[in-house]
C-alpha atoms as a PDB file:
ATOM      1  CA  MET A   1      11.481  24.015  -4.987  1.00  0.00           C
ATOM      2  CA  CYS A   2      12.299  21.385  -7.461  1.00  0.00           C
ATOM      3  CA  ARG A   3       9.652  19.173  -8.915  1.00  0.00           C
ATOM      4  CA  ILE A   4      10.029  15.519  -8.486  1.00  0.00           C
ATOM      5  CA  PHE A   5       8.585  13.053 -10.792  1.00  0.00           C
ATOM      6  CA  GLY A   6       7.999   9.329  -9.746  1.00  0.00           C
ATOM      7  CA  TYR A   7       6.298   6.126 -10.655  1.00  0.00           C
ATOM      8  CA  GLY A   8       5.194   2.746  -9.590  1.00  0.00           C
ATOM      9  CA  GLU A   9       4.067   1.867  -6.094  1.00  0.00           C
ATOM     10  CA  ASP A  10       7.168   3.517  -4.250  1.00  0.00           C
ATOM     11  CA  ALA A  11       6.081   6.928  -5.435  1.00  0.00           C
ATOM     12  CA  PHE A  12       2.295   6.165  -4.495  1.00  0.00           C
ATOM     13  CA  THR A  13       3.720   5.446  -0.959  1.00  0.00           C
ATOM     14  CA  LEU A  14       5.834   8.493  -0.575  1.00  0.00           C
ATOM     15  CA  TRP A  15       3.040  10.361  -1.960  1.00  0.00           C
ATOM     16  CA  VAL A  16       0.347   9.160   0.585  1.00  0.00           C
ATOM     17  CA  LEU A  17       2.809   9.311   3.512  1.00  0.00           C
ATOM     18  CA  LYS A  18       3.516  13.177   2.459  1.00  0.00           C
ATOM     19  CA  GLN A  19      -0.122  14.256   1.566  1.00  0.00           C
ATOM     20  CA  LYS A  20      -2.479  11.877   3.247  1.00  0.00           C
ATOM     21  CA  ILE A  21      -0.961  10.868   6.597  1.00  0.00           C
ATOM     22  CA  SER A  22      -3.704  12.502   8.642  1.00  0.00           C
ATOM     23  CA  ASP A  23      -6.223  10.709   6.536  1.00  0.00           C
ATOM     24  CA  ILE A  24      -4.796   7.345   7.395  1.00  0.00           C
ATOM     25  CA  VAL A  25      -4.461   8.094  11.296  1.00  0.00           C
ATOM     26  CA  GLU A  26      -7.875   9.460  11.392  1.00  0.00           C
ATOM     27  CA  SER A  27      -9.145   6.450   9.409  1.00  0.00           C
ATOM     28  CA  PHE A  28      -8.324   4.596  12.369  1.00  0.00           C
ATOM     29  CA  LYS A  29      -9.928   6.706  14.800  1.00  0.00           C
ATOM     30  CA  ASP A  30      -6.427   7.458  16.238  1.00  0.00           C
ATOM     31  CA  LYS A  31      -6.140  10.936  18.064  1.00  0.00           C
ATOM     32  CA  THR A  32      -2.511  11.290  17.455  1.00  0.00           C
ATOM     33  CA  ASP A  33      -1.470  14.168  15.570  1.00  0.00           C
ATOM     34  CA  PRO A  34       0.245  13.379  12.330  1.00  0.00           C
ATOM     35  CA  SER A  35       3.365  15.427  13.268  1.00  0.00           C
ATOM     36  CA  ASP A  36       3.750  13.221  16.228  1.00  0.00           C
ATOM     37  CA  CYS A  37       4.013  10.057  14.491  1.00  0.00           C
ATOM     38  CA  LEU A  38       7.192   8.562  13.522  1.00  0.00           C
ATOM     39  CA  ILE A  39       7.419   7.065   9.859  1.00  0.00           C
ATOM     40  CA  PHE A  40       9.688   4.716   8.268  1.00  0.00           C
ATOM     41  CA  TYR A  41       9.744   4.537   4.714  1.00  0.00           C
ATOM     42  CA  ARG A  42      11.611   2.111   2.660  1.00  0.00           C
ATOM     43  CA  PRO A  43      11.224   2.083  -1.314  1.00  0.00           C
ATOM     44  CA  SER A  44      11.987  -1.010  -2.870  1.00  0.00           C
ATOM     45  CA  PHE A  45      14.033   0.105  -5.472  1.00  0.00           C
ATOM     46  CA  GLY A  46      13.250  -3.026  -7.575  1.00  0.00           C
ATOM     47  CA  ARG A  47      13.929  -5.550  -4.902  1.00  0.00           C
ATOM     48  CA  ARG A  48      12.944  -9.126  -5.946  1.00  0.00           C
ATOM     49  CA  SER A  49      12.231 -11.916  -3.957  1.00  0.00           C
ATOM     50  CA  ARG A  50      14.873 -14.878  -4.547  1.00  0.00           C
ATOM     51  CA  LYS A  51      14.235 -18.512  -4.951  1.00  0.00           C
ATOM     52  CA  ASP A  52      14.592 -19.538  -1.597  1.00  0.00           C
ATOM     53  CA  SER A  53      13.082 -16.415  -0.019  1.00  0.00           C
ATOM     54  CA  SER A  54       9.595 -15.984   1.430  1.00  0.00           C
ATOM     55  CA  VAL A  55       6.603 -15.147  -1.016  1.00  0.00           C
ATOM     56  CA  PHE A  56       5.842 -11.835   0.560  1.00  0.00           C
ATOM     57  CA  GLY A  57       7.826  -8.677   0.693  1.00  0.00           C
ATOM     58  CA  GLU A  58       8.789  -6.073   3.424  1.00  0.00           C
ATOM     59  CA  PHE A  59       6.390  -3.371   4.260  1.00  0.00           C
ATOM     60  CA  ASP A  60       6.647  -0.012   2.098  1.00  0.00           C
ATOM     61  CA  ALA A  61       6.347   2.005   5.278  1.00  0.00           C
ATOM     62  CA  ILE A  62       5.532   1.748   9.098  1.00  0.00           C
ATOM     63  CA  ILE A  63       3.808   4.346  10.763  1.00  0.00           C
ATOM     64  CA  VAL A  64       3.979   4.843  14.584  1.00  0.00           C
ATOM     65  CA  SER A  65       1.774   6.834  16.291  1.00  0.00           C
ATOM     66  CA  LEU A  66       0.934   7.357  19.900  1.00  0.00           C
ATOM     67  CA  GLU A  67      -1.533   4.668  19.974  1.00  0.00           C
ATOM     68  CA  ASN A  68      -0.755   2.131  17.418  1.00  0.00           C
ATOM     69  CA  VAL A  69       1.535   0.897  14.784  1.00  0.00           C
ATOM     70  CA  TYR A  70       0.461   0.793  11.089  1.00  0.00           C
ATOM     71  CA  LEU A  71       2.000  -1.611   8.630  1.00  0.00           C
ATOM     72  CA  ILE A  72       1.680   0.025   5.176  1.00  0.00           C
ATOM     73  CA  GLU A  73       1.943  -2.131   1.889  1.00  0.00           C
ATOM     74  CA  SER A  74       0.651   0.016  -1.300  1.00  0.00           C
ATOM     75  CA  LYS A  75      -1.002  -1.758  -4.136  1.00  0.00           C
ATOM     76  CA  TRP A  76      -1.991   0.062  -7.241  1.00  0.00           C
ATOM     77  CA  ASP A  77      -5.326  -1.750  -7.101  1.00  0.00           C
ATOM     78  CA  ASN A  78      -6.735   0.920  -5.103  1.00  0.00           C
ATOM     79  CA  LEU A  79      -5.064   4.076  -6.520  1.00  0.00           C
ATOM     80  CA  GLY A  80      -8.329   5.469  -8.093  1.00  0.00           C
ATOM     81  CA  GLU A  81      -9.836   5.918  -4.707  1.00  0.00           C
ATOM     82  CA  PHE A  82      -7.288   8.993  -3.730  1.00  0.00           C
ATOM     83  CA  ASP A  83      -7.762  12.423  -4.728  1.00  0.00           C
ATOM     84  CA  ASN A  84      -4.853  14.822  -5.476  1.00  0.00           C
END
């Protein structure tokens, strides 16, 4: 298998979705098996807000479980809270 190197919040989001999805679902006491979740991942690829656009961006990911919908916004601020 090839190795993929990434940087920035998009890479962090993808890593969390691949490695920590069960932790996310469990942290909300959601009993859905992670394999039954539907995940929408949309990397920003450097998109910027325009002058006349809203001041907030789009969500980095959306997780749809059998019980809830989770809107995901990744920020570097909390990066140190995760283990490999």
